[in-house]
N, C-alpha and C. Protein backbone atom coordinates (compact mmCIF):
# COMPACT_ATOMS: atom_id res chain seq x y z
N UNK A 1 12.70 40.25 -23.71
CA UNK A 1 13.02 39.07 -24.50
C UNK A 1 12.80 37.81 -23.65
N UNK A 2 12.24 36.79 -24.29
CA UNK A 2 11.95 35.54 -23.59
C UNK A 2 13.24 34.82 -23.22
N UNK A 3 13.20 34.16 -22.08
CA UNK A 3 14.36 33.39 -21.61
C UNK A 3 14.63 32.24 -22.58
N UNK A 4 15.88 32.07 -22.93
CA UNK A 4 16.25 30.96 -23.81
C UNK A 4 16.11 29.66 -23.04
N UNK A 5 15.47 28.68 -23.66
CA UNK A 5 15.27 27.38 -23.02
C UNK A 5 16.57 26.59 -23.07
N UNK A 6 16.86 25.92 -21.96
CA UNK A 6 18.10 25.17 -21.82
C UNK A 6 17.79 23.69 -21.56
N UNK A 7 18.83 22.88 -21.43
CA UNK A 7 18.65 21.45 -21.22
C UNK A 7 17.86 21.16 -19.94
N UNK A 8 18.08 21.94 -18.89
CA UNK A 8 17.32 21.69 -17.66
C UNK A 8 15.82 21.93 -17.87
N UNK A 9 15.47 22.88 -18.73
CA UNK A 9 14.06 23.11 -19.07
C UNK A 9 13.49 21.91 -19.84
N UNK A 10 14.26 21.43 -20.79
CA UNK A 10 13.84 20.27 -21.58
C UNK A 10 13.71 19.04 -20.69
N UNK A 11 14.64 18.86 -19.77
CA UNK A 11 14.58 17.75 -18.82
C UNK A 11 13.27 17.83 -18.02
N UNK A 12 12.95 19.01 -17.50
CA UNK A 12 11.74 19.18 -16.70
C UNK A 12 10.50 18.92 -17.54
N UNK A 13 10.45 19.44 -18.76
CA UNK A 13 9.29 19.22 -19.63
C UNK A 13 9.11 17.73 -19.95
N UNK A 14 10.20 17.05 -20.21
CA UNK A 14 10.14 15.63 -20.55
C UNK A 14 9.76 14.80 -19.32
N UNK A 15 10.22 15.24 -18.16
CA UNK A 15 9.84 14.59 -16.90
C UNK A 15 8.33 14.71 -16.68
N UNK A 16 7.76 15.87 -16.96
CA UNK A 16 6.31 16.07 -16.83
C UNK A 16 5.57 15.17 -17.82
N UNK A 17 6.14 15.01 -19.00
CA UNK A 17 5.55 14.17 -20.05
C UNK A 17 5.47 12.71 -19.59
N UNK A 18 6.56 12.17 -19.09
CA UNK A 18 6.58 10.76 -18.69
C UNK A 18 5.77 10.55 -17.40
N UNK A 19 5.70 11.56 -16.57
CA UNK A 19 4.87 11.47 -15.36
C UNK A 19 3.40 11.32 -15.76
N UNK A 20 2.95 12.13 -16.71
CA UNK A 20 1.59 12.00 -17.24
C UNK A 20 1.40 10.61 -17.84
N UNK A 21 2.39 10.17 -18.63
CA UNK A 21 2.29 8.87 -19.30
C UNK A 21 2.15 7.74 -18.29
N UNK A 22 2.95 7.76 -17.24
CA UNK A 22 2.89 6.70 -16.23
C UNK A 22 1.52 6.68 -15.54
N UNK A 23 0.98 7.85 -15.26
CA UNK A 23 -0.36 7.92 -14.64
C UNK A 23 -1.42 7.36 -15.59
N UNK A 24 -1.30 7.66 -16.87
CA UNK A 24 -2.23 7.14 -17.87
C UNK A 24 -2.11 5.61 -17.96
N UNK A 25 -0.89 5.12 -17.93
CA UNK A 25 -0.64 3.68 -17.98
C UNK A 25 -1.25 2.99 -16.76
N UNK A 26 -1.14 3.62 -15.60
CA UNK A 26 -1.76 3.06 -14.39
C UNK A 26 -3.26 2.87 -14.56
N UNK A 27 -3.89 3.80 -15.25
CA UNK A 27 -5.34 3.71 -15.47
C UNK A 27 -5.69 2.69 -16.55
N UNK A 28 -4.77 2.44 -17.47
CA UNK A 28 -5.04 1.57 -18.62
C UNK A 28 -4.76 0.10 -18.35
N UNK A 29 -3.74 -0.20 -17.57
CA UNK A 29 -3.34 -1.59 -17.34
C UNK A 29 -4.45 -2.47 -16.76
N UNK A 30 -5.26 -2.01 -15.80
CA UNK A 30 -6.34 -2.88 -15.33
C UNK A 30 -7.35 -3.23 -16.42
N UNK A 31 -7.61 -2.31 -17.33
CA UNK A 31 -8.52 -2.58 -18.45
C UNK A 31 -7.94 -3.64 -19.37
N UNK A 32 -6.63 -3.55 -19.61
CA UNK A 32 -5.98 -4.54 -20.47
C UNK A 32 -5.96 -5.91 -19.79
N UNK A 33 -5.69 -5.92 -18.48
CA UNK A 33 -5.67 -7.18 -17.75
C UNK A 33 -7.05 -7.84 -17.77
N UNK A 34 -8.09 -7.04 -17.65
CA UNK A 34 -9.45 -7.57 -17.67
C UNK A 34 -9.83 -8.10 -19.06
N UNK A 35 -9.34 -7.46 -20.10
CA UNK A 35 -9.70 -7.83 -21.47
C UNK A 35 -8.99 -9.07 -21.97
N UNK A 36 -7.79 -9.34 -21.47
CA UNK A 36 -7.00 -10.45 -22.00
C UNK A 36 -7.62 -11.81 -21.69
N UNK A 37 -7.36 -12.75 -22.58
CA UNK A 37 -7.84 -14.11 -22.40
C UNK A 37 -6.75 -15.01 -21.83
N UNK A 38 -5.51 -14.56 -21.87
CA UNK A 38 -4.36 -15.33 -21.42
C UNK A 38 -4.06 -15.05 -19.95
N UNK A 39 -4.02 -16.09 -19.15
CA UNK A 39 -3.70 -15.93 -17.73
C UNK A 39 -2.28 -15.39 -17.56
N UNK A 40 -1.37 -15.85 -18.40
CA UNK A 40 0.02 -15.40 -18.32
C UNK A 40 0.14 -13.91 -18.65
N UNK A 41 -0.57 -13.47 -19.68
CA UNK A 41 -0.53 -12.05 -20.06
C UNK A 41 -1.22 -11.20 -18.99
N UNK A 42 -2.31 -11.70 -18.44
CA UNK A 42 -3.00 -10.98 -17.37
C UNK A 42 -2.06 -10.78 -16.19
N UNK A 43 -1.35 -11.82 -15.81
CA UNK A 43 -0.39 -11.72 -14.69
C UNK A 43 0.71 -10.71 -14.99
N UNK A 44 1.17 -10.68 -16.24
CA UNK A 44 2.21 -9.72 -16.63
C UNK A 44 1.69 -8.29 -16.52
N UNK A 45 0.45 -8.06 -16.97
CA UNK A 45 -0.14 -6.72 -16.87
C UNK A 45 -0.30 -6.31 -15.41
N UNK A 46 -0.75 -7.24 -14.57
CA UNK A 46 -0.94 -6.93 -13.16
C UNK A 46 0.40 -6.65 -12.46
N UNK A 47 1.41 -7.43 -12.80
CA UNK A 47 2.75 -7.20 -12.24
C UNK A 47 3.26 -5.83 -12.66
N UNK A 48 3.06 -5.49 -13.93
CA UNK A 48 3.57 -4.21 -14.41
C UNK A 48 2.82 -3.04 -13.79
N UNK A 49 1.56 -3.24 -13.44
CA UNK A 49 0.82 -2.17 -12.77
C UNK A 49 1.48 -1.85 -11.44
N UNK A 50 1.86 -2.87 -10.69
CA UNK A 50 2.54 -2.67 -9.41
C UNK A 50 3.88 -1.96 -9.63
N UNK A 51 4.63 -2.39 -10.65
CA UNK A 51 5.90 -1.74 -10.96
C UNK A 51 5.67 -0.28 -11.34
N UNK A 52 4.61 -0.01 -12.10
CA UNK A 52 4.33 1.34 -12.56
C UNK A 52 4.05 2.27 -11.38
N UNK A 53 3.42 1.76 -10.35
CA UNK A 53 3.23 2.56 -9.13
C UNK A 53 4.59 2.98 -8.57
N UNK A 54 5.55 2.08 -8.61
CA UNK A 54 6.91 2.40 -8.19
C UNK A 54 7.58 3.41 -9.11
N UNK A 55 7.28 3.33 -10.40
CA UNK A 55 7.85 4.28 -11.36
C UNK A 55 7.35 5.69 -11.05
N UNK A 56 6.07 5.80 -10.75
CA UNK A 56 5.50 7.10 -10.40
C UNK A 56 6.19 7.65 -9.15
N UNK A 57 6.37 6.80 -8.15
CA UNK A 57 7.04 7.23 -6.91
C UNK A 57 8.46 7.69 -7.19
N UNK A 58 9.18 6.97 -8.05
CA UNK A 58 10.55 7.38 -8.40
C UNK A 58 10.54 8.72 -9.13
N UNK A 59 9.60 8.88 -10.05
CA UNK A 59 9.52 10.15 -10.77
C UNK A 59 9.27 11.31 -9.80
N UNK A 60 8.43 11.07 -8.80
CA UNK A 60 8.18 12.11 -7.81
C UNK A 60 9.47 12.47 -7.07
N UNK A 61 10.33 11.48 -6.83
CA UNK A 61 11.63 11.76 -6.21
C UNK A 61 12.53 12.56 -7.15
N UNK A 62 12.46 12.26 -8.45
CA UNK A 62 13.27 13.03 -9.42
C UNK A 62 12.80 14.48 -9.45
N UNK A 63 11.49 14.70 -9.41
CA UNK A 63 10.99 16.08 -9.32
C UNK A 63 11.60 16.76 -8.09
N UNK A 64 11.66 16.03 -6.98
CA UNK A 64 12.26 16.58 -5.76
C UNK A 64 13.72 16.94 -5.94
N UNK A 65 14.45 16.10 -6.68
CA UNK A 65 15.87 16.36 -6.93
C UNK A 65 16.07 17.70 -7.63
N UNK A 66 15.14 18.05 -8.53
CA UNK A 66 15.28 19.32 -9.26
C UNK A 66 14.47 20.45 -8.61
N UNK A 67 13.88 20.16 -7.45
CA UNK A 67 13.16 21.19 -6.71
C UNK A 67 11.85 21.63 -7.36
N UNK A 68 11.21 20.71 -8.04
CA UNK A 68 9.94 21.02 -8.72
C UNK A 68 8.82 20.15 -8.18
N UNK A 69 7.61 20.67 -8.29
CA UNK A 69 6.41 19.92 -7.89
C UNK A 69 6.10 18.88 -8.96
N UNK A 70 5.74 17.64 -8.55
CA UNK A 70 5.38 16.62 -9.54
C UNK A 70 4.05 16.96 -10.22
N UNK A 71 4.13 17.31 -11.48
CA UNK A 71 2.93 17.56 -12.28
C UNK A 71 3.15 16.96 -13.66
N UNK A 72 2.05 16.53 -14.25
CA UNK A 72 2.12 15.97 -15.59
C UNK A 72 1.78 16.99 -16.64
N UNK A 73 2.22 16.71 -17.83
CA UNK A 73 1.89 17.51 -19.01
C UNK A 73 1.34 16.52 -20.03
N UNK A 74 0.17 16.79 -20.58
CA UNK A 74 -0.47 15.85 -21.50
C UNK A 74 0.54 15.37 -22.54
N UNK A 75 0.62 14.06 -22.63
CA UNK A 75 1.55 13.40 -23.55
C UNK A 75 0.75 12.83 -24.73
N UNK A 76 0.84 13.51 -25.85
CA UNK A 76 0.10 13.08 -27.04
C UNK A 76 0.50 11.68 -27.49
N UNK A 77 1.77 11.34 -27.33
CA UNK A 77 2.24 10.03 -27.77
C UNK A 77 1.55 8.91 -26.98
N UNK A 78 1.52 9.02 -25.66
CA UNK A 78 0.92 7.94 -24.87
C UNK A 78 -0.59 7.93 -25.06
N UNK A 79 -1.18 9.09 -25.31
CA UNK A 79 -2.62 9.12 -25.58
C UNK A 79 -2.92 8.33 -26.86
N UNK A 80 -2.10 8.51 -27.88
CA UNK A 80 -2.29 7.79 -29.13
C UNK A 80 -2.06 6.29 -28.98
N UNK A 81 -1.01 5.93 -28.27
CA UNK A 81 -0.69 4.52 -28.08
C UNK A 81 -1.80 3.82 -27.28
N UNK A 82 -2.28 4.46 -26.22
CA UNK A 82 -3.33 3.83 -25.42
C UNK A 82 -4.66 3.82 -26.17
N UNK A 83 -4.88 4.80 -27.02
CA UNK A 83 -6.09 4.80 -27.85
C UNK A 83 -6.07 3.62 -28.82
N UNK A 84 -4.91 3.34 -29.39
CA UNK A 84 -4.78 2.18 -30.26
C UNK A 84 -5.08 0.89 -29.49
N UNK A 85 -4.61 0.81 -28.25
CA UNK A 85 -4.88 -0.36 -27.42
C UNK A 85 -6.38 -0.52 -27.16
N UNK A 86 -7.05 0.60 -26.93
CA UNK A 86 -8.50 0.57 -26.71
C UNK A 86 -9.24 0.10 -27.97
N UNK A 87 -8.76 0.54 -29.13
CA UNK A 87 -9.36 0.10 -30.40
C UNK A 87 -9.20 -1.42 -30.57
N UNK A 88 -8.04 -1.93 -30.22
CA UNK A 88 -7.80 -3.37 -30.32
C UNK A 88 -8.77 -4.12 -29.41
N UNK A 89 -8.95 -3.60 -28.18
CA UNK A 89 -9.88 -4.26 -27.24
C UNK A 89 -11.30 -4.30 -27.82
N UNK A 90 -11.70 -3.23 -28.49
CA UNK A 90 -13.04 -3.17 -29.08
C UNK A 90 -13.16 -4.04 -30.33
N UNK A 91 -12.21 -3.88 -31.25
CA UNK A 91 -12.30 -4.54 -32.55
C UNK A 91 -12.02 -6.04 -32.50
N UNK A 92 -11.25 -6.49 -31.52
CA UNK A 92 -10.85 -7.90 -31.47
C UNK A 92 -11.41 -8.64 -30.27
N UNK A 93 -12.37 -8.04 -29.58
CA UNK A 93 -12.98 -8.67 -28.40
C UNK A 93 -13.48 -10.07 -28.77
N UNK A 94 -13.06 -11.06 -27.98
CA UNK A 94 -13.48 -12.44 -28.22
C UNK A 94 -12.72 -13.14 -29.34
N UNK A 95 -11.85 -12.44 -30.02
CA UNK A 95 -11.08 -12.99 -31.14
C UNK A 95 -9.83 -13.70 -30.64
N UNK A 96 -9.38 -14.73 -31.36
CA UNK A 96 -8.12 -15.38 -30.99
C UNK A 96 -6.92 -14.43 -31.10
N UNK A 97 -7.05 -13.36 -31.87
CA UNK A 97 -5.95 -12.41 -32.05
C UNK A 97 -5.94 -11.31 -30.99
N UNK A 98 -6.93 -11.27 -30.11
CA UNK A 98 -7.02 -10.20 -29.11
C UNK A 98 -5.75 -10.09 -28.28
N UNK A 99 -5.31 -11.19 -27.71
CA UNK A 99 -4.14 -11.13 -26.82
C UNK A 99 -2.88 -10.70 -27.56
N UNK A 100 -2.73 -11.15 -28.81
CA UNK A 100 -1.57 -10.72 -29.60
C UNK A 100 -1.61 -9.21 -29.81
N UNK A 101 -2.80 -8.67 -30.06
CA UNK A 101 -2.95 -7.23 -30.23
C UNK A 101 -2.69 -6.46 -28.95
N UNK A 102 -3.20 -6.97 -27.84
CA UNK A 102 -2.97 -6.32 -26.54
C UNK A 102 -1.49 -6.34 -26.19
N UNK A 103 -0.85 -7.46 -26.45
CA UNK A 103 0.57 -7.57 -26.16
C UNK A 103 1.37 -6.59 -27.02
N UNK A 104 1.01 -6.47 -28.28
CA UNK A 104 1.70 -5.52 -29.17
C UNK A 104 1.50 -4.09 -28.69
N UNK A 105 0.29 -3.77 -28.24
CA UNK A 105 0.02 -2.43 -27.72
C UNK A 105 0.85 -2.16 -26.46
N UNK A 106 0.94 -3.18 -25.60
CA UNK A 106 1.74 -3.02 -24.38
C UNK A 106 3.21 -2.81 -24.71
N UNK A 107 3.70 -3.50 -25.73
CA UNK A 107 5.10 -3.31 -26.10
C UNK A 107 5.34 -1.93 -26.73
N UNK A 108 4.35 -1.39 -27.41
CA UNK A 108 4.48 -0.02 -27.93
C UNK A 108 4.65 0.96 -26.77
N UNK A 109 3.89 0.74 -25.70
CA UNK A 109 4.02 1.56 -24.50
C UNK A 109 5.43 1.39 -23.91
N UNK A 110 5.88 0.14 -23.79
CA UNK A 110 7.21 -0.11 -23.21
C UNK A 110 8.31 0.56 -24.02
N UNK A 111 8.21 0.49 -25.33
CA UNK A 111 9.25 1.09 -26.17
C UNK A 111 9.27 2.60 -26.01
N UNK A 112 8.10 3.20 -25.88
CA UNK A 112 8.04 4.64 -25.63
C UNK A 112 8.71 4.97 -24.29
N UNK A 113 8.37 4.19 -23.27
CA UNK A 113 8.94 4.45 -21.95
C UNK A 113 10.45 4.23 -21.94
N UNK A 114 10.93 3.19 -22.59
CA UNK A 114 12.37 2.93 -22.66
C UNK A 114 13.07 4.12 -23.30
N UNK A 115 12.50 4.64 -24.37
CA UNK A 115 13.08 5.81 -25.04
C UNK A 115 13.14 7.01 -24.10
N UNK A 116 12.04 7.29 -23.44
CA UNK A 116 11.98 8.45 -22.53
C UNK A 116 12.93 8.31 -21.35
N UNK A 117 12.91 7.14 -20.70
CA UNK A 117 13.76 6.96 -19.54
C UNK A 117 15.25 6.97 -19.91
N UNK A 118 15.59 6.41 -21.06
CA UNK A 118 16.98 6.46 -21.51
C UNK A 118 17.44 7.88 -21.75
N UNK A 119 16.58 8.66 -22.38
CA UNK A 119 16.90 10.06 -22.65
C UNK A 119 17.03 10.85 -21.35
N UNK A 120 16.05 10.69 -20.47
CA UNK A 120 16.09 11.42 -19.20
C UNK A 120 17.32 11.05 -18.37
N UNK A 121 17.67 9.76 -18.35
CA UNK A 121 18.85 9.33 -17.60
C UNK A 121 20.11 10.01 -18.15
N UNK A 122 20.21 10.05 -19.47
CA UNK A 122 21.38 10.68 -20.10
C UNK A 122 21.43 12.17 -19.78
N UNK A 123 20.31 12.84 -19.91
CA UNK A 123 20.27 14.28 -19.62
C UNK A 123 20.56 14.55 -18.14
N UNK A 124 20.05 13.70 -17.25
CA UNK A 124 20.32 13.87 -15.82
C UNK A 124 21.84 13.81 -15.58
N UNK A 125 22.49 12.89 -16.28
CA UNK A 125 23.95 12.81 -16.17
C UNK A 125 24.64 14.07 -16.66
N UNK A 126 24.17 14.58 -17.80
CA UNK A 126 24.73 15.82 -18.35
C UNK A 126 24.54 16.99 -17.40
N UNK A 127 23.42 16.98 -16.68
CA UNK A 127 23.09 18.08 -15.76
C UNK A 127 23.69 17.88 -14.37
N UNK A 128 24.42 16.76 -14.17
CA UNK A 128 25.05 16.49 -12.88
C UNK A 128 24.08 16.07 -11.79
N UNK A 129 22.96 15.50 -12.19
CA UNK A 129 21.93 15.08 -11.24
C UNK A 129 22.08 13.59 -10.94
N UNK A 130 23.12 13.24 -10.19
CA UNK A 130 23.45 11.82 -9.98
C UNK A 130 22.33 11.05 -9.29
N UNK A 131 21.62 11.68 -8.35
CA UNK A 131 20.50 10.98 -7.69
C UNK A 131 19.40 10.67 -8.71
N UNK A 132 19.14 11.59 -9.62
CA UNK A 132 18.14 11.37 -10.66
C UNK A 132 18.59 10.26 -11.61
N UNK A 133 19.87 10.23 -11.94
CA UNK A 133 20.41 9.18 -12.81
C UNK A 133 20.11 7.81 -12.21
N UNK A 134 20.37 7.65 -10.92
CA UNK A 134 20.15 6.38 -10.24
C UNK A 134 18.68 5.97 -10.29
N UNK A 135 17.78 6.92 -10.00
CA UNK A 135 16.35 6.64 -10.01
C UNK A 135 15.86 6.28 -11.41
N UNK A 136 16.28 7.05 -12.39
CA UNK A 136 15.84 6.82 -13.78
C UNK A 136 16.40 5.52 -14.33
N UNK A 137 17.64 5.19 -13.97
CA UNK A 137 18.25 3.93 -14.42
C UNK A 137 17.50 2.73 -13.85
N UNK A 138 17.07 2.81 -12.61
CA UNK A 138 16.33 1.71 -12.00
C UNK A 138 15.03 1.46 -12.77
N UNK A 139 14.33 2.53 -13.12
CA UNK A 139 13.09 2.37 -13.87
C UNK A 139 13.36 1.87 -15.28
N UNK A 140 14.39 2.39 -15.91
CA UNK A 140 14.76 1.95 -17.26
C UNK A 140 15.01 0.44 -17.28
N UNK A 141 15.71 -0.07 -16.30
CA UNK A 141 15.98 -1.52 -16.23
C UNK A 141 14.68 -2.31 -16.10
N UNK A 142 13.75 -1.81 -15.29
CA UNK A 142 12.47 -2.51 -15.14
C UNK A 142 11.66 -2.47 -16.43
N UNK A 143 11.67 -1.35 -17.13
CA UNK A 143 10.93 -1.25 -18.39
C UNK A 143 11.51 -2.22 -19.42
N UNK A 144 12.83 -2.31 -19.48
CA UNK A 144 13.46 -3.25 -20.41
C UNK A 144 13.12 -4.69 -20.05
N UNK A 145 13.10 -5.00 -18.76
CA UNK A 145 12.76 -6.35 -18.32
C UNK A 145 11.31 -6.69 -18.67
N UNK A 146 10.42 -5.72 -18.53
CA UNK A 146 9.02 -5.94 -18.89
C UNK A 146 8.90 -6.20 -20.38
N UNK A 147 9.60 -5.43 -21.19
CA UNK A 147 9.57 -5.63 -22.64
C UNK A 147 10.06 -7.03 -23.00
N UNK A 148 11.14 -7.47 -22.36
CA UNK A 148 11.67 -8.81 -22.62
C UNK A 148 10.67 -9.89 -22.19
N UNK A 149 10.02 -9.68 -21.04
CA UNK A 149 9.02 -10.66 -20.57
C UNK A 149 7.84 -10.73 -21.54
N UNK A 150 7.41 -9.59 -22.05
CA UNK A 150 6.31 -9.57 -23.01
C UNK A 150 6.71 -10.29 -24.30
N UNK A 151 7.93 -10.10 -24.74
CA UNK A 151 8.41 -10.79 -25.95
C UNK A 151 8.38 -12.30 -25.72
N UNK A 152 8.79 -12.74 -24.55
CA UNK A 152 8.79 -14.17 -24.26
C UNK A 152 7.36 -14.72 -24.25
N UNK A 153 6.44 -13.97 -23.66
CA UNK A 153 5.03 -14.41 -23.65
C UNK A 153 4.49 -14.47 -25.07
N UNK A 154 4.85 -13.49 -25.88
CA UNK A 154 4.40 -13.48 -27.28
C UNK A 154 4.92 -14.70 -28.02
N UNK A 155 6.21 -14.95 -27.89
CA UNK A 155 6.84 -16.04 -28.63
C UNK A 155 6.40 -17.43 -28.15
N UNK A 156 6.19 -17.57 -26.84
CA UNK A 156 5.91 -18.90 -26.29
C UNK A 156 4.43 -19.25 -26.25
N UNK A 157 3.56 -18.24 -26.26
CA UNK A 157 2.15 -18.57 -26.04
C UNK A 157 1.18 -17.74 -26.89
N UNK A 158 1.20 -16.45 -26.74
CA UNK A 158 0.13 -15.61 -27.28
C UNK A 158 0.10 -15.63 -28.81
N UNK A 159 1.22 -15.42 -29.46
CA UNK A 159 1.23 -15.41 -30.92
C UNK A 159 0.93 -16.80 -31.48
N UNK A 160 1.42 -17.81 -30.82
CA UNK A 160 1.17 -19.19 -31.23
C UNK A 160 -0.32 -19.49 -31.16
N UNK A 161 -0.94 -19.08 -30.06
CA UNK A 161 -2.39 -19.32 -29.88
C UNK A 161 -3.21 -18.55 -30.90
N UNK A 162 -2.79 -17.33 -31.21
CA UNK A 162 -3.53 -16.52 -32.19
C UNK A 162 -3.48 -17.14 -33.57
N UNK A 163 -2.32 -17.67 -33.94
CA UNK A 163 -2.18 -18.26 -35.27
C UNK A 163 -2.86 -19.62 -35.34
N UNK A 164 -2.84 -20.39 -34.26
CA UNK A 164 -3.40 -21.74 -34.27
C UNK A 164 -4.93 -21.75 -34.34
N UNK A 165 -5.52 -20.68 -33.93
CA UNK A 165 -7.00 -20.64 -33.86
C UNK A 165 -7.64 -20.62 -35.24
């Protein structure tokens, strides 16, 4: 009989999922930064790429906490979200709405990450993995701050510019 899957198994599977997602995001952010017309949005994408490198490093530490090798598992959700971002880059290239679309795609990524990190942090607590809780909470705070910064850029510049054109 197959072993019954438990919360620690789900934690590990979800950790592999977000690890894959963060690596995919690392590959996607430079493309988004290059495509944007807004200097402010470009700077935000570049800043988040540096933060994302830190997120990957933290995830590798969480894998260590549970005694597992850091490996990713293909994340269909992030593949779909980044594919939508690529479509926006193609369909709106040179358009006044491009940056608004890129920003919306970036926020879809942030919301996915916020959901995953919040869940993982909670499960780590349930599993008594206090070191993992600390690492995951640090990343969760950064993801929320990025989402808030993107909202401010949208409200103060990008959406205004898209509509005014």
